[in-house]
Amino acid sequence: MFFSLDYAPDGEITLIRFIRSDQKVDMFGEEFEVSKDLVYSYVKAMILTEIHALQLYLSNELVDTFDYKLTA
């Protein structure tokens, strides 16, 4: 199912992602390379729309941050 997001208010979008052996996390078709320490792990991916950032958490520990802008 495909959806379009015309407007994202300031806030958080939380997703769970599995990191495979290619060391990439897929966010709606955009891939980000992560540390090999995260391979075969589930991470919590939080998109922070106000600051245009993607934060990855393993358990409750912040492990990586990327610039991330939602596009319409």
PDB file of N, CA and C in Angstrom:
ATOM      1  N   MET A   1       0.830  -1.175   0.000  1.00  0.00           N
ATOM      2  CA  MET A   1       0.000   0.000   0.000  1.00  0.00           C
ATOM      3  C   MET A   1       0.875   1.239   0.000  1.00  0.00           C
ATOM      4  N   PHE A   2       0.595   2.185  -0.871  1.00  0.00           N
ATOM      5  CA  PHE A   2       1.357   3.427  -0.975  1.00  0.00           C
ATOM      6  C   PHE A   2       0.534   4.560  -0.398  1.00  0.00           C
ATOM      7  N   PHE A   3       1.194   5.428   0.332  1.00  0.00           N
ATOM      8  CA  PHE A   3       0.487   6.590   0.839  1.00  0.00           C
ATOM      9  C   PHE A   3       1.331   7.831   0.596  1.00  0.00           C
ATOM     10  N   SER A   4       0.672   8.966   0.560  1.00  0.00           N
ATOM     11  CA  SER A   4       1.335  10.234   0.349  1.00  0.00           C
ATOM     12  C   SER A   4       1.144  11.098   1.584  1.00  0.00           C
ATOM     13  N   LEU A   5       2.178  11.774   1.972  1.00  0.00           N
ATOM     14  CA  LEU A   5       2.123  12.640   3.126  1.00  0.00           C
ATOM     15  C   LEU A   5       2.342  14.069   2.641  1.00  0.00           C
ATOM     16  N   ASP A   6       1.244  14.816   2.523  1.00  0.00           N
ATOM     17  CA  ASP A   6       1.342  16.181   2.023  1.00  0.00           C
ATOM     18  C   ASP A   6       1.867  17.150   3.071  1.00  0.00           C
ATOM     19  N   TYR A   7       1.579  16.875   4.335  1.00  0.00           N
ATOM     20  CA  TYR A   7       1.996  17.766   5.402  1.00  0.00           C
ATOM     21  C   TYR A   7       2.261  16.937   6.652  1.00  0.00           C
ATOM     22  N   ALA A   8       3.391  17.187   7.275  1.00  0.00           N
ATOM     23  CA  ALA A   8       3.716  16.496   8.522  1.00  0.00           C
ATOM     24  C   ALA A   8       3.878  17.545   9.613  1.00  0.00           C
ATOM     25  N   PRO A   9       2.989  17.564  10.589  1.00  0.00           N
ATOM     26  CA  PRO A   9       3.127  18.529  11.683  1.00  0.00           C
ATOM     27  C   PRO A   9       4.363  18.198  12.515  1.00  0.00           C
ATOM     28  N   ASP A  10       4.831  19.187  13.269  1.00  0.00           N
ATOM     29  CA  ASP A  10       5.967  18.947  14.156  1.00  0.00           C
ATOM     30  C   ASP A  10       5.611  17.836  15.136  1.00  0.00           C
ATOM     31  N   GLY A  11       6.509  16.902  15.267  1.00  0.00           N
ATOM     32  CA  GLY A  11       6.273  15.785  16.171  1.00  0.00           C
ATOM     33  C   GLY A  11       7.199  14.627  15.843  1.00  0.00           C
ATOM     34  N   GLU A  12       6.770  13.423  16.211  1.00  0.00           N
ATOM     35  CA  GLU A  12       7.577  12.215  16.028  1.00  0.00           C
ATOM     36  C   GLU A  12       6.782  11.156  15.274  1.00  0.00           C
ATOM     37  N   ILE A  13       7.502  10.439  14.421  1.00  0.00           N
ATOM     38  CA  ILE A  13       6.962   9.254  13.760  1.00  0.00           C
ATOM     39  C   ILE A  13       7.876   8.118  14.179  1.00  0.00           C
ATOM     40  N   THR A  14       7.321   7.092  14.800  1.00  0.00           N
ATOM     41  CA  THR A  14       8.130   5.993  15.317  1.00  0.00           C
ATOM     42  C   THR A  14       7.859   4.717  14.526  1.00  0.00           C
ATOM     43  N   LEU A  15       8.933   4.067  14.103  1.00  0.00           N
ATOM     44  CA  LEU A  15       8.857   2.820  13.343  1.00  0.00           C
ATOM     45  C   LEU A  15       9.857   1.830  13.934  1.00  0.00           C
ATOM     46  N   ILE A  16       9.605   0.556  13.709  1.00  0.00           N
ATOM     47  CA  ILE A  16      10.550  -0.498  14.073  1.00  0.00           C
ATOM     48  C   ILE A  16      11.120  -1.059  12.775  1.00  0.00           C
ATOM     49  N   ARG A  17      12.426  -1.155  12.705  1.00  0.00           N
ATOM     50  CA  ARG A  17      13.091  -1.655  11.501  1.00  0.00           C
ATOM     51  C   ARG A  17      14.091  -2.748  11.876  1.00  0.00           C
ATOM     52  N   PHE A  18      14.236  -3.739  10.974  1.00  0.00           N
ATOM     53  CA  PHE A  18      15.211  -4.815  11.154  1.00  0.00           C
ATOM     54  C   PHE A  18      16.426  -4.508  10.287  1.00  0.00           C
ATOM     55  N   ILE A  19      17.611  -4.611  10.862  1.00  0.00           N
ATOM     56  CA  ILE A  19      18.857  -4.352  10.129  1.00  0.00           C
ATOM     57  C   ILE A  19      19.401  -5.684   9.626  1.00  0.00           C
ATOM     58  N   ARG A  20      19.494  -5.804   8.321  1.00  0.00           N
ATOM     59  CA  ARG A  20      20.011  -7.032   7.695  1.00  0.00           C
ATOM     60  C   ARG A  20      21.524  -6.933   7.513  1.00  0.00           C
ATOM     61  N   SER A  21      22.108  -7.935   6.881  1.00  0.00           N
ATOM     62  CA  SER A  21      23.563  -8.005   6.720  1.00  0.00           C
ATOM     63  C   SER A  21      24.129  -6.887   5.849  1.00  0.00           C
ATOM     64  N   ASP A  22      23.294  -6.200   5.068  1.00  0.00           N
ATOM     65  CA  ASP A  22      23.793  -5.101   4.236  1.00  0.00           C
ATOM     66  C   ASP A  22      24.028  -3.813   5.033  1.00  0.00           C
ATOM     67  N   GLN A  23      23.719  -3.839   6.333  1.00  0.00           N
ATOM     68  CA  GLN A  23      23.939  -2.721   7.247  1.00  0.00           C
ATOM     69  C   GLN A  23      23.148  -1.478   6.862  1.00  0.00           C
ATOM     70  N   LYS A  24      21.950  -1.648   6.317  1.00  0.00           N
ATOM     71  CA  LYS A  24      21.147  -0.502   5.898  1.00  0.00           C
ATOM     72  C   LYS A  24      19.781  -0.543   6.554  1.00  0.00           C
ATOM     73  N   VAL A  25      19.299   0.639   6.891  1.00  0.00           N
ATOM     74  CA  VAL A  25      17.942   0.774   7.385  1.00  0.00           C
ATOM     75  C   VAL A  25      17.161   1.491   6.283  1.00  0.00           C
ATOM     76  N   ASP A  26      16.019   0.921   5.930  1.00  0.00           N
ATOM     77  CA  ASP A  26      15.187   1.468   4.861  1.00  0.00           C
ATOM     78  C   ASP A  26      14.063   2.303   5.460  1.00  0.00           C
ATOM     79  N   MET A  27      14.011   3.560   5.061  1.00  0.00           N
ATOM     80  CA  MET A  27      12.964   4.468   5.510  1.00  0.00           C
ATOM     81  C   MET A  27      12.202   4.943   4.279  1.00  0.00           C
ATOM     82  N   PHE A  28      11.112   4.252   3.986  1.00  0.00           N
ATOM     83  CA  PHE A  28      10.246   4.607   2.850  1.00  0.00           C
ATOM     84  C   PHE A  28      11.034   4.702   1.551  1.00  0.00           C
ATOM     85  N   GLY A  29      11.947   3.757   1.316  1.00  0.00           N
ATOM     86  CA  GLY A  29      12.716   3.699   0.083  1.00  0.00           C
ATOM     87  C   GLY A  29      14.061   4.401   0.138  1.00  0.00           C
ATOM     88  N   GLU A  30      14.308   5.182   1.164  1.00  0.00           N
ATOM     89  CA  GLU A  30      15.595   5.846   1.340  1.00  0.00           C
ATOM     90  C   GLU A  30      16.405   5.014   2.329  1.00  0.00           C
ATOM     91  N   GLU A  31      17.650   4.690   1.957  1.00  0.00           N
ATOM     92  CA  GLU A  31      18.470   3.815   2.796  1.00  0.00           C
ATOM     93  C   GLU A  31      19.575   4.596   3.503  1.00  0.00           C
ATOM     94  N   PHE A  32      19.845   4.181   4.738  1.00  0.00           N
ATOM     95  CA  PHE A  32      20.903   4.776   5.550  1.00  0.00           C
ATOM     96  C   PHE A  32      21.800   3.659   6.046  1.00  0.00           C
ATOM     97  N   GLU A  33      23.110   3.829   5.904  1.00  0.00           N
ATOM     98  CA  GLU A  33      24.048   2.802   6.360  1.00  0.00           C
ATOM     99  C   GLU A  33      24.311   2.967   7.851  1.00  0.00           C
ATOM    100  N   VAL A  34      24.292   1.841   8.556  1.00  0.00           N
ATOM    101  CA  VAL A  34      24.482   1.848  10.007  1.00  0.00           C
ATOM    102  C   VAL A  34      25.692   1.004  10.388  1.00  0.00           C
ATOM    103  N   SER A  35      26.053   1.074  11.640  1.00  0.00           N
ATOM    104  CA  SER A  35      27.185   0.328  12.172  1.00  0.00           C
ATOM    105  C   SER A  35      26.963  -1.180  12.046  1.00  0.00           C
ATOM    106  N   LYS A  36      28.052  -1.918  11.844  1.00  0.00           N
ATOM    107  CA  LYS A  36      27.939  -3.384  11.762  1.00  0.00           C
ATOM    108  C   LYS A  36      27.472  -3.987  13.083  1.00  0.00           C
ATOM    109  N   ASP A  37      27.595  -3.233  14.173  1.00  0.00           N
ATOM    110  CA  ASP A  37      27.122  -3.709  15.474  1.00  0.00           C
ATOM    111  C   ASP A  37      25.600  -3.870  15.512  1.00  0.00           C
ATOM    112  N   LEU A  38      24.895  -3.233  14.574  1.00  0.00           N
ATOM    113  CA  LEU A  38      23.432  -3.293  14.556  1.00  0.00           C
ATOM    114  C   LEU A  38      22.887  -4.401  13.646  1.00  0.00           C
ATOM    115  N   VAL A  39      23.759  -5.089  12.921  1.00  0.00           N
ATOM    116  CA  VAL A  39      23.319  -6.145  12.001  1.00  0.00           C
ATOM    117  C   VAL A  39      22.536  -7.208  12.773  1.00  0.00           C
ATOM    118  N   TYR A  40      21.412  -7.614  12.183  1.00  0.00           N
ATOM    119  CA  TYR A  40      20.495  -8.612  12.740  1.00  0.00           C
ATOM    120  C   TYR A  40      19.828  -8.142  14.030  1.00  0.00           C
ATOM    121  N   SER A  41      19.625  -6.844  14.139  1.00  0.00           N
ATOM    122  CA  SER A  41      18.936  -6.273  15.294  1.00  0.00           C
ATOM    123  C   SER A  41      17.702  -5.511  14.835  1.00  0.00           C
ATOM    124  N   TYR A  42      16.730  -5.432  15.721  1.00  0.00           N
ATOM    125  CA  TYR A  42      15.596  -4.538  15.515  1.00  0.00           C
ATOM    126  C   TYR A  42      15.936  -3.211  16.180  1.00  0.00           C
ATOM    127  N   VAL A  43      15.685  -2.128  15.476  1.00  0.00           N
ATOM    128  CA  VAL A  43      15.915  -0.804  16.041  1.00  0.00           C
ATOM    129  C   VAL A  43      14.614  -0.011  16.008  1.00  0.00           C
ATOM    130  N   LYS A  44      14.514   0.934  16.929  1.00  0.00           N
ATOM    131  CA  LYS A  44      13.410   1.890  16.900  1.00  0.00           C
ATOM    132  C   LYS A  44      13.910   3.089  16.107  1.00  0.00           C
ATOM    133  N   ALA A  45      13.212   3.419  15.028  1.00  0.00           N
ATOM    134  CA  ALA A  45      13.574   4.557  14.190  1.00  0.00           C
ATOM    135  C   ALA A  45      12.573   5.672  14.458  1.00  0.00           C
ATOM    136  N   MET A  46      13.068   6.809  14.916  1.00  0.00           N
ATOM    137  CA  MET A  46      12.201   7.944  15.204  1.00  0.00           C
ATOM    138  C   MET A  46      12.512   9.079  14.238  1.00  0.00           C
ATOM    139  N   ILE A  47      11.493   9.487  13.476  1.00  0.00           N
ATOM    140  CA  ILE A  47      11.617  10.650  12.608  1.00  0.00           C
ATOM    141  C   ILE A  47      11.118  11.842  13.414  1.00  0.00           C
ATOM    142  N   LEU A  48      11.981  12.820  13.611  1.00  0.00           N
ATOM    143  CA  LEU A  48      11.631  14.024  14.353  1.00  0.00           C
ATOM    144  C   LEU A  48      11.386  15.120  13.308  1.00  0.00           C
ATOM    145  N   THR A  49      10.119  15.377  13.018  1.00  0.00           N
ATOM    146  CA  THR A  49       9.777  16.257  11.907  1.00  0.00           C
ATOM    147  C   THR A  49      10.188  17.708  12.146  1.00  0.00           C
ATOM    148  N   GLU A  50      10.180  18.156  13.375  1.00  0.00           N
ATOM    149  CA  GLU A  50      10.505  19.553  13.675  1.00  0.00           C
ATOM    150  C   GLU A  50      11.963  19.888  13.370  1.00  0.00           C
ATOM    151  N   ILE A  51      12.863  18.945  13.654  1.00  0.00           N
ATOM    152  CA  ILE A  51      14.297  19.203  13.441  1.00  0.00           C
ATOM    153  C   ILE A  51      14.853  18.439  12.236  1.00  0.00           C
ATOM    154  N   HIS A  52      13.986  17.772  11.481  1.00  0.00           N
ATOM    155  CA  HIS A  52      14.377  17.035  10.262  1.00  0.00           C
ATOM    156  C   HIS A  52      15.502  16.047  10.553  1.00  0.00           C
ATOM    157  N   ALA A  53      15.254  15.162  11.506  1.00  0.00           N
ATOM    158  CA  ALA A  53      16.258  14.190  11.907  1.00  0.00           C
ATOM    159  C   ALA A  53      15.649  12.796  12.015  1.00  0.00           C
ATOM    160  N   LEU A  54      16.487  11.793  11.806  1.00  0.00           N
ATOM    161  CA  LEU A  54      16.142  10.392  12.009  1.00  0.00           C
ATOM    162  C   LEU A  54      17.060   9.887  13.108  1.00  0.00           C
ATOM    163  N   GLN A  55      16.484   9.376  14.177  1.00  0.00           N
ATOM    164  CA  GLN A  55      17.263   8.835  15.273  1.00  0.00           C
ATOM    165  C   GLN A  55      16.998   7.346  15.387  1.00  0.00           C
ATOM    166  N   LEU A  56      18.064   6.574  15.567  1.00  0.00           N
ATOM    167  CA  LEU A  56      17.945   5.122  15.732  1.00  0.00           C
ATOM    168  C   LEU A  56      18.311   4.745  17.165  1.00  0.00           C
ATOM    169  N   TYR A  57      17.458   3.907  17.756  1.00  0.00           N
ATOM    170  CA  TYR A  57      17.653   3.450  19.129  1.00  0.00           C
ATOM    171  C   TYR A  57      17.736   1.930  19.158  1.00  0.00           C
ATOM    172  N   LEU A  58      18.674   1.411  19.918  1.00  0.00           N
ATOM    173  CA  LEU A  58      18.759  -0.010  20.221  1.00  0.00           C
ATOM    174  C   LEU A  58      18.408  -0.121  21.698  1.00  0.00           C
ATOM    175  N   SER A  59      17.309  -0.786  21.977  1.00  0.00           N
ATOM    176  CA  SER A  59      16.696  -0.732  23.309  1.00  0.00           C
ATOM    177  C   SER A  59      16.356   0.734  23.564  1.00  0.00           C
ATOM    178  N   ASN A  60      16.865   1.312  24.630  1.00  0.00           N
ATOM    179  CA  ASN A  60      16.596   2.727  24.908  1.00  0.00           C
ATOM    180  C   ASN A  60      17.800   3.612  24.649  1.00  0.00           C
ATOM    181  N   GLU A  61      18.833   3.061  23.991  1.00  0.00           N
ATOM    182  CA  GLU A  61      20.071   3.793  23.759  1.00  0.00           C
ATOM    183  C   GLU A  61      20.100   4.380  22.345  1.00  0.00           C
ATOM    184  N   LEU A  62      20.316   5.685  22.249  1.00  0.00           N
ATOM    185  CA  LEU A  62      20.472   6.341  20.946  1.00  0.00           C
ATOM    186  C   LEU A  62      21.786   5.878  20.337  1.00  0.00           C
ATOM    187  N   VAL A  63      21.726   5.272  19.128  1.00  0.00           N
ATOM    188  CA  VAL A  63      22.939   4.737  18.509  1.00  0.00           C
ATOM    189  C   VAL A  63      23.351   5.477  17.248  1.00  0.00           C
ATOM    190  N   ASP A  64      22.438   6.245  16.628  1.00  0.00           N
ATOM    191  CA  ASP A  64      22.803   6.973  15.415  1.00  0.00           C
ATOM    192  C   ASP A  64      21.766   8.041  15.109  1.00  0.00           C
ATOM    193  N   THR A  65      22.204   9.096  14.441  1.00  0.00           N
ATOM    194  CA  THR A  65      21.326  10.182  14.021  1.00  0.00           C
ATOM    195  C   THR A  65      21.690  10.581  12.602  1.00  0.00           C
ATOM    196  N   PHE A  66      20.663  10.812  11.776  1.00  0.00           N
ATOM    197  CA  PHE A  66      20.846  11.224  10.388  1.00  0.00           C
ATOM    198  C   PHE A  66      19.967  12.432  10.099  1.00  0.00           C
ATOM    199  N   ASP A  67      20.377  13.257   9.136  1.00  0.00           N
ATOM    200  CA  ASP A  67      19.489  14.297   8.617  1.00  0.00           C
ATOM    201  C   ASP A  67      18.381  13.593   7.843  1.00  0.00           C
ATOM    202  N   TYR A  68      17.134  14.041   8.026  1.00  0.00           N
ATOM    203  CA  TYR A  68      16.019  13.379   7.337  1.00  0.00           C
ATOM    204  C   TYR A  68      14.872  14.367   7.147  1.00  0.00           C
ATOM    205  N   LYS A  69      14.515  14.590   5.896  1.00  0.00           N
ATOM    206  CA  LYS A  69      13.393  15.478   5.587  1.00  0.00           C
ATOM    207  C   LYS A  69      12.306  14.665   4.914  1.00  0.00           C
ATOM    208  N   LEU A  70      11.103  14.790   5.421  1.00  0.00           N
ATOM    209  CA  LEU A  70       9.949  14.175   4.758  1.00  0.00           C
ATOM    210  C   LEU A  70       9.631  15.005   3.528  1.00  0.00           C
ATOM    211  N   THR A  71       9.397  14.328   2.421  1.00  0.00           N
ATOM    212  CA  THR A  71       9.054  15.033   1.196  1.00  0.00           C
ATOM    213  C   THR A  71       7.632  14.682   0.798  1.00  0.00           C
ATOM    214  N   ALA A  72       6.965  15.641   0.226  1.00  0.00           N
ATOM    215  CA  ALA A  72       5.587  15.434  -0.208  1.00  0.00           C
ATOM    216  C   ALA A  72       5.547  14.838  -1.589  1.00  0.00           C
TER     217      ALA A  72
END
